[in-house]
C-alpha cells in the first residue's frame, strides 16, 4: 500500500526577523502617506475649528504660584 503525498501545498519559507526591515517599511509607508497629502489639487487637512488672528492680548497673573515646581517620585 502506498500513501499519496500532497504536492499542492506551498512550503513555508523560513526567514530571520530583521527589526530594521520593519522600521524601513514603516518609514516608507509614512513617506508615501505624506507624499499623498501633498499631491497637487488635493486639499490639506483643515482644523476642526475656525481660527482667527486678532490683536487682543490677554495678561496672566502669577500671584500665589511658585516659580519652580518640583516633581517627586513616589
N, C-alpha and C. Protein backbone atom coordinates (compact mmCIF):
# COMPACT_ATOMS: atom_id res chain seq x y z
N UNK A 1 0.85 -1.17 0.00
CA UNK A 1 0.00 0.00 0.00
C UNK A 1 0.90 1.23 0.00
N UNK A 2 0.63 2.16 -0.89
CA UNK A 2 1.41 3.38 -0.96
C UNK A 2 0.55 4.56 -0.51
N UNK A 3 1.18 5.49 0.16
CA UNK A 3 0.48 6.68 0.62
C UNK A 3 0.69 7.82 -0.37
N UNK A 4 -0.36 8.54 -0.62
CA UNK A 4 -0.26 9.67 -1.55
C UNK A 4 0.35 10.86 -0.82
N UNK A 5 1.20 11.56 -1.50
CA UNK A 5 1.81 12.77 -0.92
C UNK A 5 1.16 14.00 -1.54
N UNK A 6 1.02 15.03 -0.76
CA UNK A 6 0.41 16.26 -1.27
C UNK A 6 1.48 17.11 -1.93
N UNK A 7 1.29 17.42 -3.16
CA UNK A 7 2.22 18.25 -3.90
C UNK A 7 1.70 19.69 -4.04
N UNK A 8 0.42 19.90 -3.74
CA UNK A 8 -0.16 21.22 -3.98
C UNK A 8 0.00 22.19 -2.80
N UNK A 9 0.51 21.75 -1.68
CA UNK A 9 0.65 22.66 -0.54
C UNK A 9 1.98 23.41 -0.63
N UNK A 10 1.93 24.74 -0.54
CA UNK A 10 3.18 25.51 -0.60
C UNK A 10 3.99 25.33 0.68
N UNK A 11 5.27 25.35 0.52
CA UNK A 11 6.14 25.22 1.68
C UNK A 11 6.35 26.59 2.30
N UNK A 12 6.36 26.63 3.59
CA UNK A 12 6.60 27.89 4.28
C UNK A 12 8.08 28.25 4.18
N UNK A 13 8.33 29.49 3.89
CA UNK A 13 9.71 29.96 3.80
C UNK A 13 10.10 30.51 5.16
N UNK A 14 11.16 30.00 5.68
CA UNK A 14 11.65 30.45 6.98
C UNK A 14 12.67 31.56 6.75
N UNK A 15 12.44 32.68 7.40
CA UNK A 15 13.38 33.79 7.26
C UNK A 15 13.66 34.38 8.63
N UNK A 16 14.77 35.04 8.75
CA UNK A 16 15.15 35.67 10.01
C UNK A 16 14.38 36.96 10.19
N UNK A 17 14.06 37.26 11.42
CA UNK A 17 13.38 38.51 11.74
C UNK A 17 14.40 39.62 11.75
N UNK A 18 14.12 40.65 10.99
CA UNK A 18 15.02 41.80 10.90
C UNK A 18 14.26 43.04 11.36
N UNK A 19 14.51 43.52 12.59
CA UNK A 19 13.75 44.68 13.09
C UNK A 19 13.99 45.93 12.25
N UNK A 20 15.16 46.06 11.65
CA UNK A 20 15.43 47.24 10.83
C UNK A 20 14.61 47.23 9.55
N UNK A 21 14.30 46.04 9.04
CA UNK A 21 13.45 45.95 7.86
C UNK A 21 12.05 46.46 8.19
N UNK A 22 11.57 46.15 9.40
CA UNK A 22 10.26 46.65 9.82
C UNK A 22 10.28 48.17 9.93
N UNK A 23 11.36 48.73 10.47
CA UNK A 23 11.47 50.19 10.57
C UNK A 23 11.53 50.83 9.20
N UNK A 24 12.28 50.23 8.28
CA UNK A 24 12.35 50.76 6.92
C UNK A 24 10.99 50.72 6.24
N UNK A 25 10.25 49.64 6.46
CA UNK A 25 8.92 49.52 5.88
C UNK A 25 7.99 50.60 6.42
N UNK A 26 8.05 50.83 7.74
CA UNK A 26 7.22 51.87 8.34
C UNK A 26 7.62 53.25 7.82
N UNK A 27 8.92 53.50 7.69
CA UNK A 27 9.41 54.78 7.18
C UNK A 27 8.90 55.03 5.75
N UNK A 28 8.94 53.98 4.92
CA UNK A 28 8.46 54.11 3.55
C UNK A 28 6.96 54.37 3.50
N UNK A 29 6.20 53.68 4.35
CA UNK A 29 4.74 53.87 4.37
C UNK A 29 4.36 55.27 4.83
N UNK A 30 5.04 55.78 5.86
CA UNK A 30 4.76 57.15 6.32
C UNK A 30 5.13 58.14 5.23
N UNK A 31 6.24 57.90 4.54
CA UNK A 31 6.64 58.78 3.43
C UNK A 31 5.61 58.78 2.32
N UNK A 32 5.06 57.62 2.00
CA UNK A 32 4.02 57.55 0.98
C UNK A 32 2.77 58.29 1.43
N UNK A 33 2.45 58.20 2.71
CA UNK A 33 1.29 58.91 3.25
C UNK A 33 1.48 60.42 3.12
N UNK A 34 2.68 60.90 3.49
CA UNK A 34 2.95 62.33 3.39
C UNK A 34 2.98 62.80 1.94
N UNK A 35 3.53 61.99 1.06
CA UNK A 35 3.55 62.35 -0.37
C UNK A 35 2.13 62.42 -0.92
N UNK A 36 1.27 61.53 -0.45
CA UNK A 36 -0.12 61.54 -0.90
C UNK A 36 -0.88 62.76 -0.45
N UNK A 37 -0.51 63.31 0.71
CA UNK A 37 -1.17 64.51 1.20
C UNK A 37 -0.76 65.75 0.42
N UNK A 38 0.44 65.73 -0.13
CA UNK A 38 0.97 66.92 -0.81
C UNK A 38 0.76 66.88 -2.32
N UNK A 39 -0.10 66.01 -2.81
CA UNK A 39 -0.35 65.94 -4.25
C UNK A 39 -1.01 67.22 -4.73
N UNK A 40 -0.67 67.67 -5.93
CA UNK A 40 -1.31 68.87 -6.47
C UNK A 40 -2.81 68.64 -6.64
N UNK A 41 -3.58 69.66 -6.29
CA UNK A 41 -5.02 69.56 -6.41
C UNK A 41 -5.70 68.92 -5.23
N UNK A 42 -4.94 68.45 -4.29
CA UNK A 42 -5.53 67.83 -3.11
C UNK A 42 -5.42 68.80 -1.94
N UNK A 43 -6.51 69.01 -1.23
CA UNK A 43 -6.54 69.96 -0.12
C UNK A 43 -5.84 69.37 1.10
N UNK A 44 -5.15 70.22 1.82
CA UNK A 44 -4.52 69.80 3.06
C UNK A 44 -5.59 69.69 4.15
N UNK A 45 -5.38 68.87 5.16
CA UNK A 45 -6.35 68.75 6.24
C UNK A 45 -6.56 70.09 6.94
N UNK A 46 -7.78 70.40 7.28
CA UNK A 46 -8.12 71.66 7.94
C UNK A 46 -8.43 71.39 9.41
N UNK A 47 -8.17 72.38 10.27
CA UNK A 47 -8.51 72.20 11.69
C UNK A 47 -10.02 72.09 11.86
N UNK A 48 -10.44 71.46 12.95
CA UNK A 48 -11.86 71.27 13.21
C UNK A 48 -12.53 72.50 13.80
N UNK A 49 -11.81 73.60 13.91
CA UNK A 49 -12.37 74.84 14.45
C UNK A 49 -11.97 75.99 13.54
N UNK A 50 -12.78 77.05 13.56
CA UNK A 50 -12.43 78.24 12.80
C UNK A 50 -11.41 79.03 13.60
N UNK A 51 -10.27 79.32 13.00
CA UNK A 51 -9.22 80.07 13.66
C UNK A 51 -9.20 81.48 13.12
N UNK A 52 -8.97 82.43 14.01
CA UNK A 52 -8.94 83.82 13.61
C UNK A 52 -7.86 84.54 14.41
N UNK A 53 -7.05 85.33 13.75
CA UNK A 53 -5.99 86.07 14.42
C UNK A 53 -6.48 87.48 14.73
N UNK A 54 -6.29 87.91 15.99
CA UNK A 54 -6.67 89.26 16.40
C UNK A 54 -5.51 89.91 17.11
N UNK A 55 -5.64 91.21 17.38
CA UNK A 55 -4.60 91.95 18.10
C UNK A 55 -4.87 92.01 19.60
N UNK A 56 -5.82 91.27 20.10
CA UNK A 56 -6.17 91.28 21.52
C UNK A 56 -5.13 90.49 22.29
N UNK A 57 -4.65 91.07 23.39
CA UNK A 57 -3.69 90.39 24.26
C UNK A 57 -4.34 90.15 25.62
N UNK A 58 -4.10 89.00 26.16
CA UNK A 58 -4.64 88.64 27.46
C UNK A 58 -3.48 88.45 28.40
N UNK A 59 -3.51 89.17 29.53
CA UNK A 59 -2.45 89.04 30.53
C UNK A 59 -2.76 87.90 31.48
N UNK A 60 -1.72 87.44 32.14
CA UNK A 60 -1.92 86.38 33.12
C UNK A 60 -1.28 86.80 34.43
N UNK A 61 -1.85 86.34 35.49
CA UNK A 61 -1.36 86.68 36.80
C UNK A 61 -0.67 85.46 37.41
N UNK A 62 0.53 85.66 37.93
CA UNK A 62 1.26 84.58 38.59
C UNK A 62 1.23 84.72 40.10
N UNK A 63 0.33 85.55 40.62
CA UNK A 63 0.26 85.77 42.06
C UNK A 63 -0.11 84.47 42.77
N UNK A 64 0.68 84.12 43.76
CA UNK A 64 0.39 82.94 44.56
C UNK A 64 0.87 81.63 43.94
N UNK A 65 1.50 81.69 42.81
CA UNK A 65 2.01 80.47 42.18
C UNK A 65 3.53 80.43 42.30
N UNK A 66 4.07 79.30 42.67
CA UNK A 66 5.54 79.21 42.76
C UNK A 66 6.18 79.27 41.37
N UNK A 67 7.36 79.85 41.32
CA UNK A 67 8.06 79.94 40.04
C UNK A 67 8.66 78.59 39.64
N UNK A 68 9.03 77.81 40.63
CA UNK A 68 9.61 76.49 40.35
C UNK A 68 8.66 75.43 40.88
N UNK A 69 8.47 74.43 40.10
CA UNK A 69 7.64 73.30 40.52
C UNK A 69 8.54 72.09 40.62
N UNK A 70 8.47 71.42 41.75
CA UNK A 70 9.31 70.27 41.99
C UNK A 70 8.47 69.00 41.85
N UNK A 71 8.94 68.06 41.05
CA UNK A 71 8.23 66.80 40.85
C UNK A 71 9.01 65.71 41.58
N UNK A 72 8.31 65.03 42.46
CA UNK A 72 8.96 63.97 43.24
C UNK A 72 8.37 62.63 42.86
N UNK A 73 9.23 61.64 42.82
CA UNK A 73 8.80 60.28 42.53
C UNK A 73 8.27 59.66 43.81
N UNK A 74 7.10 59.06 43.75
CA UNK A 74 6.52 58.49 44.97
C UNK A 74 6.84 57.03 45.11
